[in-house]
Amino acid sequence: MKKVILHKGREKSLLRKHPWIFSGAIDSIDDNIELGETVEILSSDKKFFAVGAYSPHSQIRIRVWSFNHIEINKVFFTEKISSAVTFRKSIIDEKKYNAYRIVNSESDGLPGLIVDKYNNILVCQFISAGAEKWKQTIVEILVDQLEPTAIYERSDADVRQKEGLKSNKGMLYGKIDSGEVIIQEDNLSYIVNIFTGHKTGFYLDQRENRKIISEYSKGKNVLNCFSYTGSFGIAALVNDAEHVLNIDSSEEALNLSTRNFQLNKINADKFTNLKADVFTELRKQKSESKKYDLIILDPPKFVEGKNSLNKASRGYKDINMLAMQLLNDDGLLFTFSCSGLMTPELFNKIIADAASDAGVNLSIIDRLWQSGDHRVTTSFPESFYLKGLLVKKG
């Protein structure tokens, strides 16, 4: 195993079992290390710390596989995937839910690997050099342990480029005639397109928040912004919301949204789908003095890197301020950020500043986060990316 030696004093994160080693922490490396190759990580005085996958193109130069001095092979991946599956089975009621995350990258000790289950189909993302190198082995283990009818790859995230990897999509195992899969979420059903949908096809991380929104929706006039394929709106209407206006810029997503409302037997007069830019449309509705009882803001990832955090913060503030001005007195706002670099403290401050500029008083009713299958570990706080607030106006 080739060796990587750290600069003196740069092992503090490893002592906390954090799985990333940045390029600036490295003092020297052995020659001719291949993309994704397993290396041994040593301190400046040659003390062993970990073994990990080497990525020469990324700022995250090494992602740790293990803090034990072990061989990284099929047995290692078999044990890790088995542990991840066991954890999900302990928290997911499979009689109610047939779609959930099975492997959540670093939080399951498998950096750069995402595996989502949609009924009997698995969708994988290999977004690190190490995960890419072991792709075939991982697929074989998933087939053995989970017996899916098919495995589809959605390695089309931008982070692949930072790892020196090309975007990749396609079948890894089995055969499917269509990218559409119907999943079950308690008493609701959703059509998911694993070929073209966001992320791996659906926002599985919002499962618990859909239930919470449903609980607050009875009799409410609802505005669902960045509505995608309609899941928040459907959750609201099954608990007798008065009406839902869904706004999204994607016609494809809105078309699938309509089919999802039909699938759940929701009358067409209970919802309206509007193709529009959310920022522009909210300003228009404000000028028209429109009002709502409940507003949902679940925008796409605004923060792509540290350099864009200030700009993204202004975007979050702007859109939340507009939503607050569209709320009736005593109205409810569910607002989210899925940007990992957006801390809960900063998000809270943005919402408070938006309320101040909007001239409204808000009370925090609940704090919201990703569903439990999107595992968060204390040694890897970056795994906590989805944060949200339920606030009440007045």
Protein backbone atom coordinates (compact mmCIF):
# COMPACT_ATOMS: atom_id res chain seq x y z
CA MET A 1 0.00 0.00 0.00
CA LYS A 2 1.43 3.35 -1.02
CA LYS A 3 1.87 6.02 1.62
CA VAL A 4 0.80 9.62 2.14
CA ILE A 5 2.53 11.62 4.88
CA LEU A 6 0.83 14.61 6.50
CA HIS A 7 2.35 17.90 7.55
CA LYS A 8 3.09 18.16 11.25
CA GLY A 9 0.01 19.16 13.24
CA ARG A 10 -2.45 18.42 10.40
CA GLU A 11 -3.86 15.21 11.89
CA LYS A 12 -6.39 16.88 14.24
CA SER A 13 -9.40 16.09 12.03
CA LEU A 14 -8.34 12.46 11.77
CA LEU A 15 -8.19 12.22 15.55
CA ARG A 16 -11.87 13.27 15.51
CA LYS A 17 -12.50 10.54 12.89
CA HIS A 18 -13.37 13.04 10.19
CA PRO A 19 -13.01 11.25 6.82
CA TRP A 20 -11.57 14.05 4.65
CA ILE A 21 -7.94 15.00 4.09
CA PHE A 22 -7.39 18.17 2.07
CA SER A 23 -4.50 18.73 -0.29
CA GLY A 24 -2.92 21.38 1.95
CA ALA A 25 -2.52 18.85 4.78
CA ILE A 26 -0.23 16.58 2.74
CA ASP A 27 3.53 16.82 3.05
CA SER A 28 4.60 14.01 0.70
CA ILE A 29 3.19 11.13 -1.31
CA ASP A 30 4.58 8.05 -2.98
CA ASP A 31 4.97 8.18 -6.75
CA ASN A 32 2.44 6.95 -9.33
CA ILE A 33 -0.66 6.68 -7.19
CA GLU A 34 -3.66 5.93 -9.41
CA LEU A 35 -7.04 7.66 -9.30
CA GLY A 36 -9.05 6.05 -6.50
CA GLU A 37 -6.19 3.87 -5.30
CA THR A 38 -6.15 2.93 -1.62
CA VAL A 39 -3.33 4.60 0.31
CA GLU A 40 -2.01 4.49 3.85
CA ILE A 41 -2.12 7.81 5.72
CA LEU A 42 0.70 8.56 8.15
CA SER A 43 1.58 11.43 10.46
CA SER A 44 4.79 13.41 10.06
CA ASP A 45 6.49 10.98 12.49
CA LYS A 46 5.19 8.00 10.47
CA LYS A 47 2.36 7.06 12.87
CA PHE A 48 -0.54 5.24 11.17
CA PHE A 49 -3.87 7.07 11.05
CA ALA A 50 -6.09 5.60 8.33
CA VAL A 51 -6.47 4.11 4.87
CA GLY A 52 -8.35 5.95 2.18
CA ALA A 53 -8.98 6.57 -1.52
CA TYR A 54 -6.63 8.98 -3.28
CA SER A 55 -8.02 11.64 -5.62
CA PRO A 56 -5.26 13.71 -7.29
CA HIS A 57 -7.64 16.24 -8.88
CA SER A 58 -9.77 17.11 -5.86
CA GLN A 59 -9.14 19.52 -2.99
CA ILE A 60 -10.36 16.63 -0.84
CA ARG A 61 -7.26 14.64 -1.73
CA ILE A 62 -8.12 11.55 0.34
CA ARG A 63 -11.42 10.17 1.60
CA VAL A 64 -10.97 7.73 4.46
CA TRP A 65 -12.25 4.19 4.09
CA SER A 66 -11.18 3.04 7.56
CA PHE A 67 -9.28 4.23 10.63
CA ASN A 68 -8.10 0.65 11.14
CA HIS A 69 -5.10 -0.85 9.38
CA ILE A 70 -7.10 -3.19 7.15
CA GLU A 71 -7.21 -4.26 3.52
CA ILE A 72 -9.89 -2.59 1.42
CA ASN A 73 -11.49 -5.41 -0.57
CA LYS A 74 -14.83 -7.04 -1.29
CA VAL A 75 -15.17 -8.22 2.31
CA PHE A 76 -14.83 -4.61 3.51
CA PHE A 77 -17.58 -3.35 1.18
CA THR A 78 -19.82 -6.32 1.96
CA GLU A 79 -19.68 -5.56 5.68
CA LYS A 80 -20.23 -1.82 5.20
CA ILE A 81 -23.23 -2.25 2.90
CA SER A 82 -24.72 -4.90 5.18
CA SER A 83 -24.40 -2.54 8.14
CA ALA A 84 -26.05 0.27 6.17
CA VAL A 85 -28.96 -1.98 5.16
CA THR A 86 -29.44 -3.19 8.74
CA PHE A 87 -29.57 0.40 10.01
CA ARG A 88 -32.30 1.34 7.49
CA LYS A 89 -34.37 -1.72 8.31
CA SER A 90 -34.25 -0.66 11.96
CA ILE A 91 -35.81 2.77 11.26
CA ILE A 92 -37.97 2.23 8.13
CA ASP A 93 -41.35 0.48 8.22
CA GLU A 94 -41.20 -1.34 4.89
CA LYS A 95 -44.93 -2.08 5.05
CA LYS A 96 -45.52 1.68 4.63
CA TYR A 97 -42.46 2.81 2.66
CA ASN A 98 -40.80 1.12 -0.31
CA ALA A 99 -38.48 4.00 -1.18
CA TYR A 100 -35.63 5.21 1.01
CA ARG A 101 -31.88 5.81 1.12
CA ILE A 102 -29.77 2.73 1.77
CA VAL A 103 -26.24 4.18 1.69
CA ASN A 104 -25.50 7.81 2.57
CA SER A 105 -21.87 8.21 1.59
CA GLU A 106 -19.42 9.17 4.36
CA SER A 107 -22.08 8.71 7.06
CA ASP A 108 -22.12 5.00 6.26
CA GLY A 109 -18.35 4.76 5.93
CA LEU A 110 -18.55 4.65 2.13
CA PRO A 111 -17.37 8.07 0.90
CA GLY A 112 -18.85 9.14 -2.40
CA LEU A 113 -21.43 6.34 -2.62
CA ILE A 114 -25.19 7.03 -2.62
CA VAL A 115 -27.68 4.20 -2.98
CA ASP A 116 -31.43 4.89 -3.06
CA LYS A 117 -34.16 2.26 -3.22
CA TYR A 118 -37.24 2.91 -5.36
CA ASN A 119 -39.52 -0.08 -4.92
CA ASN A 120 -37.46 -2.95 -6.39
CA ILE A 121 -34.99 -0.73 -8.29
CA LEU A 122 -31.77 0.73 -6.90
CA VAL A 123 -30.33 4.04 -8.08
CA CYS A 124 -26.64 4.68 -7.36
CA GLN A 125 -24.35 7.67 -7.47
CA PHE A 126 -20.58 7.14 -7.52
CA ILE A 127 -19.29 10.64 -6.86
CA SER A 128 -15.76 10.04 -5.59
CA ALA A 129 -12.68 8.49 -7.14
CA GLY A 130 -12.68 5.67 -4.58
CA ALA A 131 -16.33 4.75 -5.10
CA GLU A 132 -15.80 4.80 -8.87
CA LYS A 133 -12.82 2.44 -8.63
CA TRP A 134 -14.86 -0.11 -6.65
CA LYS A 135 -18.08 0.30 -8.69
CA GLN A 136 -18.31 -3.22 -10.07
CA THR A 137 -17.65 -4.81 -6.67
CA ILE A 138 -20.27 -2.59 -5.05
CA VAL A 139 -22.86 -3.49 -7.70
CA GLU A 140 -22.21 -7.21 -7.17
CA ILE A 141 -22.71 -6.83 -3.41
CA LEU A 142 -25.93 -4.83 -3.85
CA VAL A 143 -27.31 -7.56 -6.12
CA ASP A 144 -26.40 -10.27 -3.60
CA GLN A 145 -27.78 -8.48 -0.56
CA LEU A 146 -30.87 -6.72 -1.91
CA GLU A 147 -31.86 -8.73 -5.00
CA PRO A 148 -33.10 -5.73 -7.03
CA THR A 149 -34.67 -6.18 -10.44
CA ALA A 150 -32.39 -3.44 -11.77
CA ILE A 151 -29.66 -1.01 -10.74
CA TYR A 152 -29.40 2.34 -12.51
CA GLU A 153 -26.50 4.78 -12.25
CA ARG A 154 -27.05 8.53 -11.81
CA SER A 155 -23.45 9.68 -11.48
CA ASP A 156 -24.25 13.02 -13.09
CA ALA A 157 -23.57 15.32 -10.12
CA ASP A 158 -21.19 18.25 -10.70
CA VAL A 159 -18.89 17.04 -7.92
CA ARG A 160 -17.70 14.26 -10.24
CA GLN A 161 -15.78 16.85 -12.25
CA LYS A 162 -13.86 17.92 -9.14
CA GLU A 163 -12.82 14.28 -8.74
CA GLY A 164 -11.53 14.12 -12.31
CA LEU A 165 -14.43 11.92 -13.34
CA LYS A 166 -16.82 12.26 -16.27
CA SER A 167 -20.57 12.38 -15.82
CA ASN A 168 -22.14 8.96 -16.22
CA LYS A 169 -25.69 7.56 -16.45
CA GLY A 170 -26.98 4.14 -17.44
CA MET A 171 -27.89 0.60 -16.47
CA LEU A 172 -25.53 -1.27 -14.16
CA TYR A 173 -27.65 -4.39 -13.68
CA GLY A 174 -30.88 -5.83 -15.03
CA LYS A 175 -33.21 -4.11 -17.43
CA ILE A 176 -36.05 -1.60 -17.17
CA ASP A 177 -38.27 -0.45 -20.00
CA SER A 178 -39.04 2.97 -18.55
CA GLY A 179 -37.43 5.38 -16.12
CA GLU A 180 -40.72 5.68 -14.25
CA VAL A 181 -41.23 3.86 -10.97
CA ILE A 182 -44.23 4.10 -8.63
CA ILE A 183 -43.26 4.34 -4.98
CA GLN A 184 -45.34 4.09 -1.83
CA GLU A 185 -45.10 6.55 1.07
CA ASP A 186 -47.56 5.55 3.76
CA ASN A 187 -50.99 6.08 2.13
CA LEU A 188 -49.62 8.09 -0.82
CA SER A 189 -48.12 7.07 -4.15
CA TYR A 190 -45.70 8.96 -6.37
CA ILE A 191 -44.42 8.45 -9.89
CA VAL A 192 -40.64 8.91 -9.93
CA ASN A 193 -38.52 9.25 -13.07
CA ILE A 194 -35.11 7.86 -12.14
CA PHE A 195 -33.70 8.74 -15.58
CA THR A 196 -34.37 12.49 -15.55
CA GLY A 197 -35.54 13.43 -12.05
CA HIS A 198 -33.63 15.63 -9.62
CA LYS A 199 -30.89 13.92 -7.60
CA THR A 200 -31.69 10.20 -7.96
CA GLY A 201 -35.28 10.96 -8.97
CA PHE A 202 -37.13 12.14 -5.86
CA TYR A 203 -36.63 14.06 -2.62
CA LEU A 204 -36.61 11.11 -0.25
CA ASP A 205 -34.99 13.34 2.38
CA GLN A 206 -38.27 15.29 2.82
CA ARG A 207 -40.35 12.24 3.83
CA GLU A 208 -40.97 13.29 7.44
CA ASN A 209 -41.52 16.92 6.47
CA ARG A 210 -44.28 15.91 4.05
CA LYS A 211 -46.08 14.32 7.00
CA ILE A 212 -45.65 17.47 9.09
CA ILE A 213 -46.96 19.71 6.31
CA SER A 214 -49.96 17.44 5.90
CA GLU A 215 -50.79 17.80 9.61
CA TYR A 216 -50.95 21.61 9.32
CA SER A 217 -52.80 21.84 6.01
CA LYS A 218 -56.47 21.20 6.81
CA GLY A 219 -58.62 24.00 5.44
CA LYS A 220 -55.60 26.01 4.26
CA ASN A 221 -55.02 27.85 0.99
CA VAL A 222 -51.51 26.63 0.12
CA LEU A 223 -48.74 28.06 -2.06
CA ASN A 224 -46.14 25.39 -2.94
CA CYS A 225 -43.02 27.01 -4.42
CA PHE A 226 -40.38 25.03 -6.35
CA SER A 227 -43.04 22.32 -6.34
CA TYR A 228 -41.15 19.81 -8.55
CA THR A 229 -43.44 16.76 -8.97
CA GLY A 230 -46.00 17.90 -6.39
CA SER A 231 -45.29 15.79 -3.31
CA PHE A 232 -45.74 18.61 -0.74
CA GLY A 233 -48.96 19.71 -2.46
CA ILE A 234 -50.33 16.17 -2.48
CA ALA A 235 -49.47 15.75 1.21
CA ALA A 236 -51.39 18.97 1.94
CA LEU A 237 -54.47 18.02 -0.06
CA VAL A 238 -54.88 14.52 1.38
CA ASN A 239 -55.48 16.28 4.71
CA ASP A 240 -58.15 18.50 3.16
CA ALA A 241 -56.26 21.64 2.25
CA GLU A 242 -58.63 24.03 0.51
CA HIS A 243 -56.47 24.55 -2.58
CA VAL A 244 -52.80 24.25 -3.63
CA LEU A 245 -51.00 26.43 -6.16
CA ASN A 246 -47.83 24.68 -7.36
CA ILE A 247 -45.14 26.86 -8.97
CA ASP A 248 -42.14 25.42 -10.81
CA SER A 249 -40.03 26.46 -13.78
CA SER A 250 -39.98 22.94 -15.28
CA GLU A 251 -42.84 21.93 -17.53
CA GLU A 252 -41.71 18.30 -17.35
CA ALA A 253 -41.90 18.35 -13.54
CA LEU A 254 -45.35 19.98 -13.58
CA ASN A 255 -46.66 17.42 -16.05
CA LEU A 256 -45.50 14.61 -13.77
CA SER A 257 -47.00 16.54 -10.86
CA THR A 258 -50.42 16.47 -12.54
CA ARG A 259 -50.15 12.71 -12.97
CA ASN A 260 -49.18 12.32 -9.31
CA PHE A 261 -52.26 14.27 -8.21
CA GLN A 262 -54.38 12.04 -10.44
CA LEU A 263 -52.67 8.92 -9.08
CA ASN A 264 -53.71 9.95 -5.58
CA LYS A 265 -57.29 10.63 -6.74
CA ILE A 266 -57.19 14.37 -6.04
CA ASN A 267 -59.79 16.40 -7.92
CA ALA A 268 -58.41 18.77 -10.56
CA ASP A 269 -60.20 21.76 -9.04
CA LYS A 270 -58.19 21.38 -5.83
CA PHE A 271 -54.83 22.29 -7.38
CA THR A 272 -53.31 24.57 -10.00
CA ASN A 273 -49.92 24.06 -11.65
CA LEU A 274 -48.15 27.22 -12.80
CA LYS A 275 -44.97 27.25 -14.90
CA ALA A 276 -43.04 30.32 -13.77
CA ASP A 277 -39.87 31.61 -12.15
CA VAL A 278 -40.67 31.61 -8.44
CA PHE A 279 -38.88 34.90 -7.64
CA THR A 280 -40.69 36.71 -10.46
CA GLU A 281 -44.06 35.16 -9.69
CA LEU A 282 -43.91 36.00 -5.98
CA ARG A 283 -43.22 39.63 -6.79
CA LYS A 284 -46.15 39.61 -9.21
CA GLN A 285 -48.46 38.07 -6.61
CA LYS A 286 -47.33 40.60 -4.03
CA SER A 287 -48.26 43.42 -6.43
CA GLU A 288 -51.67 41.79 -6.83
CA SER A 289 -52.13 41.56 -3.02
CA LYS A 290 -52.51 37.76 -3.09
CA LYS A 291 -52.58 36.01 0.29
CA TYR A 292 -52.11 32.43 1.50
CA ASP A 293 -52.59 30.52 4.74
CA LEU A 294 -49.59 28.25 4.25
CA ILE A 295 -46.53 28.68 2.03
CA ILE A 296 -43.82 26.12 1.28
CA LEU A 297 -40.36 27.22 0.11
CA ASP A 298 -38.11 24.32 -0.90
CA PRO A 299 -35.68 25.91 -3.38
CA PRO A 300 -32.84 24.13 -5.16
CA LYS A 301 -29.31 24.29 -3.79
CA PHE A 302 -28.30 27.97 -3.90
CA VAL A 303 -24.81 27.47 -2.42
CA GLU A 304 -22.36 25.71 -4.75
CA GLY A 305 -19.23 26.75 -2.82
CA LYS A 306 -17.92 29.10 -0.15
CA ASN A 307 -17.50 31.88 -2.71
CA SER A 308 -21.24 31.84 -3.46
CA LEU A 309 -22.46 31.81 0.16
CA ASN A 310 -23.07 35.58 0.41
CA LYS A 311 -24.96 35.68 -2.88
CA ALA A 312 -27.01 32.63 -1.88
CA SER A 313 -27.83 34.21 1.48
CA ARG A 314 -29.26 37.23 -0.31
CA GLY A 315 -31.36 34.91 -2.47
CA TYR A 316 -32.74 33.06 0.55
CA LYS A 317 -33.50 36.35 2.30
CA ASP A 318 -35.25 37.79 -0.75
CA ILE A 319 -37.50 34.83 -1.37
CA ASN A 320 -38.44 34.40 2.29
CA MET A 321 -39.24 38.10 2.65
CA LEU A 322 -41.60 37.86 -0.34
CA ALA A 323 -43.28 34.75 1.09
CA MET A 324 -43.81 36.41 4.46
CA GLN A 325 -45.52 39.35 2.77
CA LEU A 326 -47.88 36.93 1.00
CA LEU A 327 -48.93 35.22 4.23
CA ASN A 328 -52.19 35.97 5.96
CA ASP A 329 -52.00 36.92 9.63
CA ASP A 330 -51.40 33.70 11.62
CA GLY A 331 -50.22 32.10 8.36
CA LEU A 332 -47.57 29.37 8.31
CA LEU A 333 -44.30 29.28 6.38
CA PHE A 334 -42.34 26.08 5.82
CA THR A 335 -38.93 27.19 4.59
CA PHE A 336 -35.93 25.01 3.72
CA SER A 337 -32.31 25.12 2.63
CA CYS A 338 -30.62 22.02 1.18
CA SER A 339 -27.22 23.72 0.91
CA GLY A 340 -24.66 21.97 3.08
CA LEU A 341 -22.59 25.14 3.56
CA MET A 342 -25.64 26.95 4.95
CA THR A 343 -25.42 26.42 8.71
CA PRO A 344 -28.58 26.30 10.85
CA GLU A 345 -27.37 29.43 12.67
CA LEU A 346 -26.92 31.38 9.43
CA PHE A 347 -30.26 30.15 8.07
CA ASN A 348 -32.01 31.27 11.27
CA LYS A 349 -30.38 34.70 10.96
CA ILE A 350 -31.48 35.00 7.31
CA ILE A 351 -35.10 34.22 8.25
CA ALA A 352 -34.95 36.73 11.13
CA ASP A 353 -33.51 39.43 8.85
CA ALA A 354 -36.15 38.67 6.19
CA ALA A 355 -38.90 39.05 8.81
CA SER A 356 -37.44 42.37 9.93
CA ASP A 357 -37.28 43.71 6.37
CA ALA A 358 -40.78 42.42 5.65
CA GLY A 359 -42.08 44.19 8.75
CA VAL A 360 -43.59 41.06 10.29
CA ASN A 361 -43.27 39.19 13.56
CA LEU A 362 -42.55 35.46 13.39
CA SER A 363 -42.69 32.66 15.93
CA ILE A 364 -40.68 29.48 15.39
CA ILE A 365 -43.04 26.51 15.70
CA ASP A 366 -40.67 23.70 14.67
CA ARG A 367 -37.21 22.97 13.29
CA LEU A 368 -37.02 20.57 10.39
CA TRP A 369 -34.31 18.35 8.89
CA GLN A 370 -33.67 15.39 6.61
CA SER A 371 -35.32 12.02 7.18
CA GLY A 372 -33.40 9.49 9.27
CA ASP A 373 -32.36 7.26 6.39
CA HIS A 374 -30.22 10.21 5.23
CA ARG A 375 -27.94 9.35 8.07
CA VAL A 376 -26.01 12.04 9.99
CA THR A 377 -22.98 11.12 12.08
CA THR A 378 -21.29 13.24 14.73
CA SER A 379 -17.85 12.74 13.17
CA PHE A 380 -19.08 14.05 9.81
CA PRO A 381 -21.26 17.12 10.41
CA GLU A 382 -21.29 17.86 6.66
CA SER A 383 -23.85 15.05 6.37
CA PHE A 384 -26.40 17.39 7.96
CA TYR A 385 -27.35 19.45 4.91
CA LEU A 386 -31.16 19.85 4.95
CA LYS A 387 -32.44 22.33 7.46
CA GLY A 388 -35.80 24.00 7.70
CA LEU A 389 -38.09 26.07 9.88
CA LEU A 390 -41.81 26.15 10.43
CA VAL A 391 -42.69 29.71 11.42
CA LYS A 392 -45.98 31.45 12.16
CA LYS A 393 -46.72 35.02 11.20
CA GLY A 394 -48.00 37.33 13.90
